[in-house]
Every structure is written in structure tokens, then in C-alpha cells.
PDB file of N, CA and C in Angstrom:
ATOM      1  N   MET A   1      65.373  50.101 -52.845  1.00  0.00           N
ATOM      2  CA  MET A   1      65.290  51.292 -52.864  1.00  0.00           C
ATOM      3  C   MET A   1      64.635  52.085 -54.094  1.00  0.00           C
ATOM      4  N   SER A   2      64.677  53.378 -53.534  1.00  0.00           N
ATOM      5  CA  SER A   2      64.053  54.064 -54.182  1.00  0.00           C
ATOM      6  C   SER A   2      64.829  55.666 -54.643  1.00  0.00           C
ATOM      7  N   LEU A   3      65.161  55.746 -55.470  1.00  0.00           N
ATOM      8  CA  LEU A   3      65.759  57.394 -55.481  1.00  0.00           C
ATOM      9  C   LEU A   3      65.217  58.093 -55.827  1.00  0.00           C
ATOM     10  N   LYS A   4      64.805  58.884 -56.579  1.00  0.00           N
ATOM     11  CA  LYS A   4      63.694  60.272 -56.576  1.00  0.00           C
ATOM     12  C   LYS A   4      64.663  62.318 -56.676  1.00  0.00           C
ATOM     13  N   LEU A   5      64.421  61.755 -58.104  1.00  0.00           N
ATOM     14  CA  LEU A   5      64.743  62.903 -58.609  1.00  0.00           C
ATOM     15  C   LEU A   5      63.651  64.007 -59.144  1.00  0.00           C
ATOM     16  N   THR A   6      63.966  65.343 -59.015  1.00  0.00           N
ATOM     17  CA  THR A   6      63.479  66.578 -59.568  1.00  0.00           C
ATOM     18  C   THR A   6      64.697  67.204 -60.747  1.00  0.00           C
ATOM     19  N   LEU A   7      63.862  67.263 -61.857  1.00  0.00           N
ATOM     20  CA  LEU A   7      64.960  67.640 -63.098  1.00  0.00           C
ATOM     21  C   LEU A   7      64.606  68.858 -63.127  1.00  0.00           C
ATOM     22  N   GLU A   8      65.564  70.780 -63.542  1.00  0.00           N
ATOM     23  CA  GLU A   8      65.406  71.907 -64.437  1.00  0.00           C
ATOM     24  C   GLU A   8      65.782  72.206 -64.670  1.00  0.00           C
ATOM     25  N   LEU A   9      66.048  72.159 -66.039  1.00  0.00           N
ATOM     26  CA  LEU A   9      66.931  73.205 -67.125  1.00  0.00           C
ATOM     27  C   LEU A   9      66.656  74.476 -66.903  1.00  0.00           C
ATOM     28  N   ALA A  10      68.352  75.119 -67.283  1.00  0.00           N
ATOM     29  CA  ALA A  10      68.832  77.061 -66.899  1.00  0.00           C
ATOM     30  C   ALA A  10      67.564  77.504 -68.101  1.00  0.00           C
ATOM     31  N   SER A  11      67.874  76.370 -69.299  1.00  0.00           N
ATOM     32  CA  SER A  11      67.087  77.313 -70.597  1.00  0.00           C
ATOM     33  C   SER A  11      65.163  76.935 -70.624  1.00  0.00           C
ATOM     34  N   GLY A  12      64.668  76.302 -68.839  1.00  0.00           N
ATOM     35  CA  GLY A  12      63.938  76.387 -68.873  1.00  0.00           C
ATOM     36  C   GLY A  12      62.492  74.772 -69.759  1.00  0.00           C
ATOM     37  N   GLN A  13      63.198  74.432 -70.148  1.00  0.00           N
ATOM     38  CA  GLN A  13      62.700  73.583 -71.994  1.00  0.00           C
ATOM     39  C   GLN A  13      62.253  72.200 -70.678  1.00  0.00           C
ATOM     40  N   SER A  14      61.493  71.764 -71.274  1.00  0.00           N
ATOM     41  CA  SER A  14      60.632  70.303 -70.234  1.00  0.00           C
ATOM     42  C   SER A  14      61.959  68.874 -70.799  1.00  0.00           C
ATOM     43  N   LEU A  15      62.009  68.525 -69.630  1.00  0.00           N
ATOM     44  CA  LEU A  15      62.574  67.522 -70.014  1.00  0.00           C
ATOM     45  C   LEU A  15      61.355  65.913 -69.841  1.00  0.00           C
ATOM     46  N   LYS A  16      59.933  66.183 -69.496  1.00  0.00           N
ATOM     47  CA  LYS A  16      58.980  65.654 -69.509  1.00  0.00           C
ATOM     48  C   LYS A  16      59.335  64.441 -70.273  1.00  0.00           C
ATOM     49  N   GLY A  17      59.110  63.307 -70.610  1.00  0.00           N
ATOM     50  CA  GLY A  17      59.944  62.198 -71.839  1.00  0.00           C
ATOM     51  C   GLY A  17      60.833  61.409 -71.900  1.00  0.00           C
ATOM     52  N   ALA A  18      61.533  62.253 -70.841  1.00  0.00           N
ATOM     53  CA  ALA A  18      63.626  62.094 -70.788  1.00  0.00           C
ATOM     54  C   ALA A  18      63.315  61.086 -70.769  1.00  0.00           C
ATOM     55  N   PRO A  19      64.503  60.144 -71.288  1.00  0.00           N
ATOM     56  CA  PRO A  19      65.041  58.832 -70.955  1.00  0.00           C
ATOM     57  C   PRO A  19      66.176  58.911 -70.238  1.00  0.00           C
ATOM     58  N   LEU A  20      66.693  58.656 -69.079  1.00  0.00           N
ATOM     59  CA  LEU A  20      67.714  59.222 -68.125  1.00  0.00           C
ATOM     60  C   LEU A  20      68.264  57.750 -67.338  1.00  0.00           C
ATOM     61  N   GLU A  21      69.667  57.308 -67.350  1.00  0.00           N
ATOM     62  CA  GLU A  21      69.770  56.151 -66.570  1.00  0.00           C
ATOM     63  C   GLU A  21      70.767  56.908 -65.455  1.00  0.00           C
ATOM     64  N   LEU A  22      70.709  56.169 -65.024  1.00  0.00           N
ATOM     65  CA  LEU A  22      71.778  56.086 -63.571  1.00  0.00           C
ATOM     66  C   LEU A  22      72.573  54.844 -63.151  1.00  0.00           C
ATOM     67  N   LEU A  23      73.655  55.454 -63.445  1.00  0.00           N
ATOM     68  CA  LEU A  23      75.265  54.796 -63.105  1.00  0.00           C
ATOM     69  C   LEU A  23      75.873  54.869 -62.095  1.00  0.00           C
ATOM     70  N   ALA A  24      76.560  53.751 -61.847  1.00  0.00           N
ATOM     71  CA  ALA A  24      77.240  53.718 -59.936  1.00  0.00           C
ATOM     72  C   ALA A  24      78.787  52.856 -60.826  1.00  0.00           C
ATOM     73  N   ASP A  25      79.568  53.592 -60.551  1.00  0.00           N
ATOM     74  CA  ASP A  25      80.819  53.746 -60.830  1.00  0.00           C
ATOM     75  C   ASP A  25      81.030  53.178 -62.638  1.00  0.00           C
ATOM     76  N   GLY A  26      79.988  54.286 -63.050  1.00  0.00           N
ATOM     77  CA  GLY A  26      80.494  54.489 -64.874  1.00  0.00           C
ATOM     78  C   GLY A  26      79.384  53.001 -65.819  1.00  0.00           C
ATOM     79  N   VAL A  27      78.786  51.781 -64.513  1.00  0.00           N
ATOM     80  CA  VAL A  27      78.506  51.146 -65.168  1.00  0.00           C
ATOM     81  C   VAL A  27      76.467  51.394 -65.293  1.00  0.00           C
ATOM     82  N   PRO A  28      75.657  51.661 -66.190  1.00  0.00           N
ATOM     83  CA  PRO A  28      74.324  51.838 -66.061  1.00  0.00           C
ATOM     84  C   PRO A  28      73.582  50.511 -64.667  1.00  0.00           C
ATOM     85  N   ILE A  29      72.717  51.181 -64.037  1.00  0.00           N
ATOM     86  CA  ILE A  29      72.105  49.675 -63.058  1.00  0.00           C
ATOM     87  C   ILE A  29      70.283  50.441 -63.192  1.00  0.00           C
ATOM     88  N   ALA A  30      70.310  51.474 -64.058  1.00  0.00           N
ATOM     89  CA  ALA A  30      68.992  51.359 -64.020  1.00  0.00           C
ATOM     90  C   ALA A  30      68.313  52.211 -64.437  1.00  0.00           C
ATOM     91  N   ARG A  31      67.034  52.798 -65.306  1.00  0.00           N
ATOM     92  CA  ARG A  31      66.401  53.470 -66.187  1.00  0.00           C
ATOM     93  C   ARG A  31      65.277  54.033 -65.945  1.00  0.00           C
ATOM     94  N   ALA A  32      65.252  55.563 -66.330  1.00  0.00           N
ATOM     95  CA  ALA A  32      63.512  55.897 -65.754  1.00  0.00           C
ATOM     96  C   ALA A  32      63.253  57.559 -66.447  1.00  0.00           C
ATOM     97  N   ILE A  33      61.863  57.620 -66.967  1.00  0.00           N
ATOM     98  CA  ILE A  33      61.440  58.315 -67.491  1.00  0.00           C
ATOM     99  C   ILE A  33      61.846  59.666 -66.246  1.00  0.00           C
ATOM    100  N   VAL A  34      61.174  60.876 -67.573  1.00  0.00           N
ATOM    101  CA  VAL A  34      61.247  61.947 -66.350  1.00  0.00           C
ATOM    102  C   VAL A  34      59.456  62.369 -66.970  1.00  0.00           C
ATOM    103  N   ASP A  35      58.328  62.838 -65.604  1.00  0.00           N
ATOM    104  CA  ASP A  35      56.978  62.547 -65.558  1.00  0.00           C
ATOM    105  C   ASP A  35      57.013  64.521 -65.645  1.00  0.00           C
ATOM    106  N   GLU A  36      55.588  64.288 -66.050  1.00  0.00           N
ATOM    107  CA  GLU A  36      54.925  65.646 -66.710  1.00  0.00           C
ATOM    108  C   GLU A  36      55.372  67.019 -64.892  1.00  0.00           C
ATOM    109  N   HIS A  37      55.772  66.349 -63.975  1.00  0.00           N
ATOM    110  CA  HIS A  37      56.381  67.662 -63.278  1.00  0.00           C
ATOM    111  C   HIS A  37      57.544  67.950 -62.885  1.00  0.00           C
ATOM    112  N   ALA A  38      58.746  66.883 -63.535  1.00  0.00           N
ATOM    113  CA  ALA A  38      59.505  67.127 -63.867  1.00  0.00           C
ATOM    114  C   ALA A  38      60.911  66.101 -63.046  1.00  0.00           C
ATOM    115  N   LYS A  39      59.581  65.024 -62.247  1.00  0.00           N
ATOM    116  CA  LYS A  39      60.049  63.746 -61.645  1.00  0.00           C
ATOM    117  C   LYS A  39      60.814  62.837 -62.178  1.00  0.00           C
ATOM    118  N   ALA A  40      62.038  61.793 -61.413  1.00  0.00           N
ATOM    119  CA  ALA A  40      61.897  60.763 -62.286  1.00  0.00           C
ATOM    120  C   ALA A  40      62.108  59.746 -60.879  1.00  0.00           C
ATOM    121  N   ILE A  41      61.884  58.661 -60.733  1.00  0.00           N
ATOM    122  CA  ILE A  41      62.354  58.250 -59.681  1.00  0.00           C
ATOM    123  C   ILE A  41      63.365  56.515 -60.157  1.00  0.00           C
ATOM    124  N   PHE A  42      63.952  56.336 -59.738  1.00  0.00           N
ATOM    125  CA  PHE A  42      65.071  55.210 -60.059  1.00  0.00           C
ATOM    126  C   PHE A  42      64.819  54.013 -58.968  1.00  0.00           C
ATOM    127  N   ASN A  43      64.360  52.835 -59.357  1.00  0.00           N
ATOM    128  CA  ASN A  43      64.347  51.589 -58.440  1.00  0.00           C
ATOM    129  C   ASN A  43      65.822  50.761 -58.136  1.00  0.00           C
ATOM    130  N   VAL A  44      66.462  50.732 -57.132  1.00  0.00           N
ATOM    131  CA  VAL A  44      67.397  50.145 -57.323  1.00  0.00           C
ATOM    132  C   VAL A  44      68.103  49.310 -55.857  1.00  0.00           C
ATOM    133  N   ALA A  45      68.933  48.882 -56.189  1.00  0.00           N
ATOM    134  CA  ALA A  45      69.277  48.036 -54.451  1.00  0.00           C
ATOM    135  C   ALA A  45      70.764  48.483 -53.828  1.00  0.00           C
ATOM    136  N   PRO A  46      70.324  49.122 -52.405  1.00  0.00           N
ATOM    137  CA  PRO A  46      70.890  49.705 -52.010  1.00  0.00           C
ATOM    138  C   PRO A  46      72.648  49.389 -52.060  1.00  0.00           C
ATOM    139  N   GLY A  47      73.728  50.381 -52.374  1.00  0.00           N
ATOM    140  CA  GLY A  47      74.854  49.615 -52.142  1.00  0.00           C
ATOM    141  C   GLY A  47      76.346  51.098 -51.978  1.00  0.00           C
ATOM    142  N   CYS A  48      77.782  50.711 -53.056  1.00  0.00           N
ATOM    143  CA  CYS A  48      77.995  52.146 -52.540  1.00  0.00           C
ATOM    144  C   CYS A  48      78.433  51.763 -53.854  1.00  0.00           C
ATOM    145  N   GLY A  49      79.354  53.398 -54.583  1.00  0.00           N
ATOM    146  CA  GLY A  49      79.330  53.916 -55.563  1.00  0.00           C
ATOM    147  C   GLY A  49      79.573  55.405 -56.546  1.00  0.00           C
ATOM    148  N   SER A  50      79.934  55.668 -56.964  1.00  0.00           N
ATOM    149  CA  SER A  50      79.914  56.523 -57.515  1.00  0.00           C
ATOM    150  C   SER A  50      79.278  56.851 -58.815  1.00  0.00           C
ATOM    151  N   LEU A  51      77.941  57.519 -58.229  1.00  0.00           N
ATOM    152  CA  LEU A  51      76.478  57.513 -59.074  1.00  0.00           C
ATOM    153  C   LEU A  51      76.076  58.785 -59.736  1.00  0.00           C
ATOM    154  N   THR A  52      76.057  58.517 -60.988  1.00  0.00           N
ATOM    155  CA  THR A  52      75.840  59.416 -62.105  1.00  0.00           C
ATOM    156  C   THR A  52      74.798  59.421 -62.774  1.00  0.00           C
ATOM    157  N   ILE A  53      74.074  60.427 -63.426  1.00  0.00           N
ATOM    158  CA  ILE A  53      72.565  60.280 -64.215  1.00  0.00           C
ATOM    159  C   ILE A  53      72.982  60.901 -65.376  1.00  0.00           C
ATOM    160  N   ARG A  54      72.505  59.558 -66.390  1.00  0.00           N
ATOM    161  CA  ARG A  54      72.611  60.970 -67.918  1.00  0.00           C
ATOM    162  C   ARG A  54      71.544  60.863 -68.725  1.00  0.00           C
ATOM    163  N   VAL A  55      71.309  61.667 -69.407  1.00  0.00           N
ATOM    164  CA  VAL A  55      70.206  61.883 -69.728  1.00  0.00           C
ATOM    165  C   VAL A  55      70.670  61.868 -71.062  1.00  0.00           C
ATOM    166  N   ASP A  56      69.668  62.265 -72.221  1.00  0.00           N
ATOM    167  CA  ASP A  56      69.524  61.000 -73.483  1.00  0.00           C
ATOM    168  C   ASP A  56      69.258  62.822 -74.051  1.00  0.00           C
ATOM    169  N   ARG A  57      70.419  63.616 -74.651  1.00  0.00           N
ATOM    170  CA  ARG A  57      69.714  65.148 -74.285  1.00  0.00           C
ATOM    171  C   ARG A  57      68.995  64.840 -76.020  1.00  0.00           C
ATOM    172  N   SER A  58      69.230  64.067 -77.136  1.00  0.00           N
ATOM    173  CA  SER A  58      68.903  63.985 -78.220  1.00  0.00           C
ATOM    174  C   SER A  58      67.304  64.323 -78.363  1.00  0.00           C
ATOM    175  N   ILE A  59      66.639  64.377 -77.399  1.00  0.00           N
ATOM    176  CA  ILE A  59      65.802  64.510 -77.245  1.00  0.00           C
ATOM    177  C   ILE A  59      65.157  65.863 -77.282  1.00  0.00           C
ATOM    178  N   LEU A  60      65.740  66.945 -77.002  1.00  0.00           N
ATOM    179  CA  LEU A  60      65.789  68.064 -76.709  1.00  0.00           C
ATOM    180  C   LEU A  60      65.196  68.960 -78.098  1.00  0.00           C
ATOM    181  N   GLN A  61      64.871  69.927 -78.452  1.00  0.00           N
ATOM    182  CA  GLN A  61      64.667  70.621 -79.860  1.00  0.00           C
ATOM    183  C   GLN A  61      65.516  71.370 -78.925  1.00  0.00           C
ATOM    184  N   THR A  62      66.612  72.050 -80.294  1.00  0.00           N
ATOM    185  CA  THR A  62      66.840  73.407 -80.736  1.00  0.00           C
ATOM    186  C   THR A  62      66.554  74.257 -80.818  1.00  0.00           C
ATOM    187  N   HIS A  63      66.462  75.635 -80.515  1.00  0.00           N
ATOM    188  CA  HIS A  63      66.038  76.902 -81.021  1.00  0.00           C
ATOM    189  C   HIS A  63      67.002  77.575 -81.421  1.00  0.00           C
ATOM    190  N   GLY A  64      67.078  77.576 -82.931  1.00  0.00           N
ATOM    191  CA  GLY A  64      68.020  78.930 -83.707  1.00  0.00           C
ATOM    192  C   GLY A  64      68.097  79.290 -85.077  1.00  0.00           C
TER     193      GLY A  64
END
């Protein structure tokens, strides 16, 4: 099964290349990288649980 996401930041920064993790009940079950169209696809087995996406924000640049 594929879980497809489109990601947008309110700041307008691009997430291209950002590493993502999909967590089921707090446990990492899949990884994906955001593409140039702000999309990411996780390939996972069907199941039940609470899903969360974790973004490695250390790749984002801050201005100031």
C-alpha cells in the first residue's frame, strides 16, 4: 500500500530533499524523501494504529 502526501510550509520554504519518517503508534515503519513537487510516498503494509509524520527540520535554513 502507498501513502502519498503533499507538504507545504506556511513560511513558503521548500521541503525538497527533506527526510521523513512515518510512525505507527510512535514506532518508525517507513521513510521517504520529499521530491521537487513537495510530494512524498511511503510504501507500507496495511494496518491499524495512530500515524504520525516526523520531519528532520535540521535541514531547514533559518533567516535572521
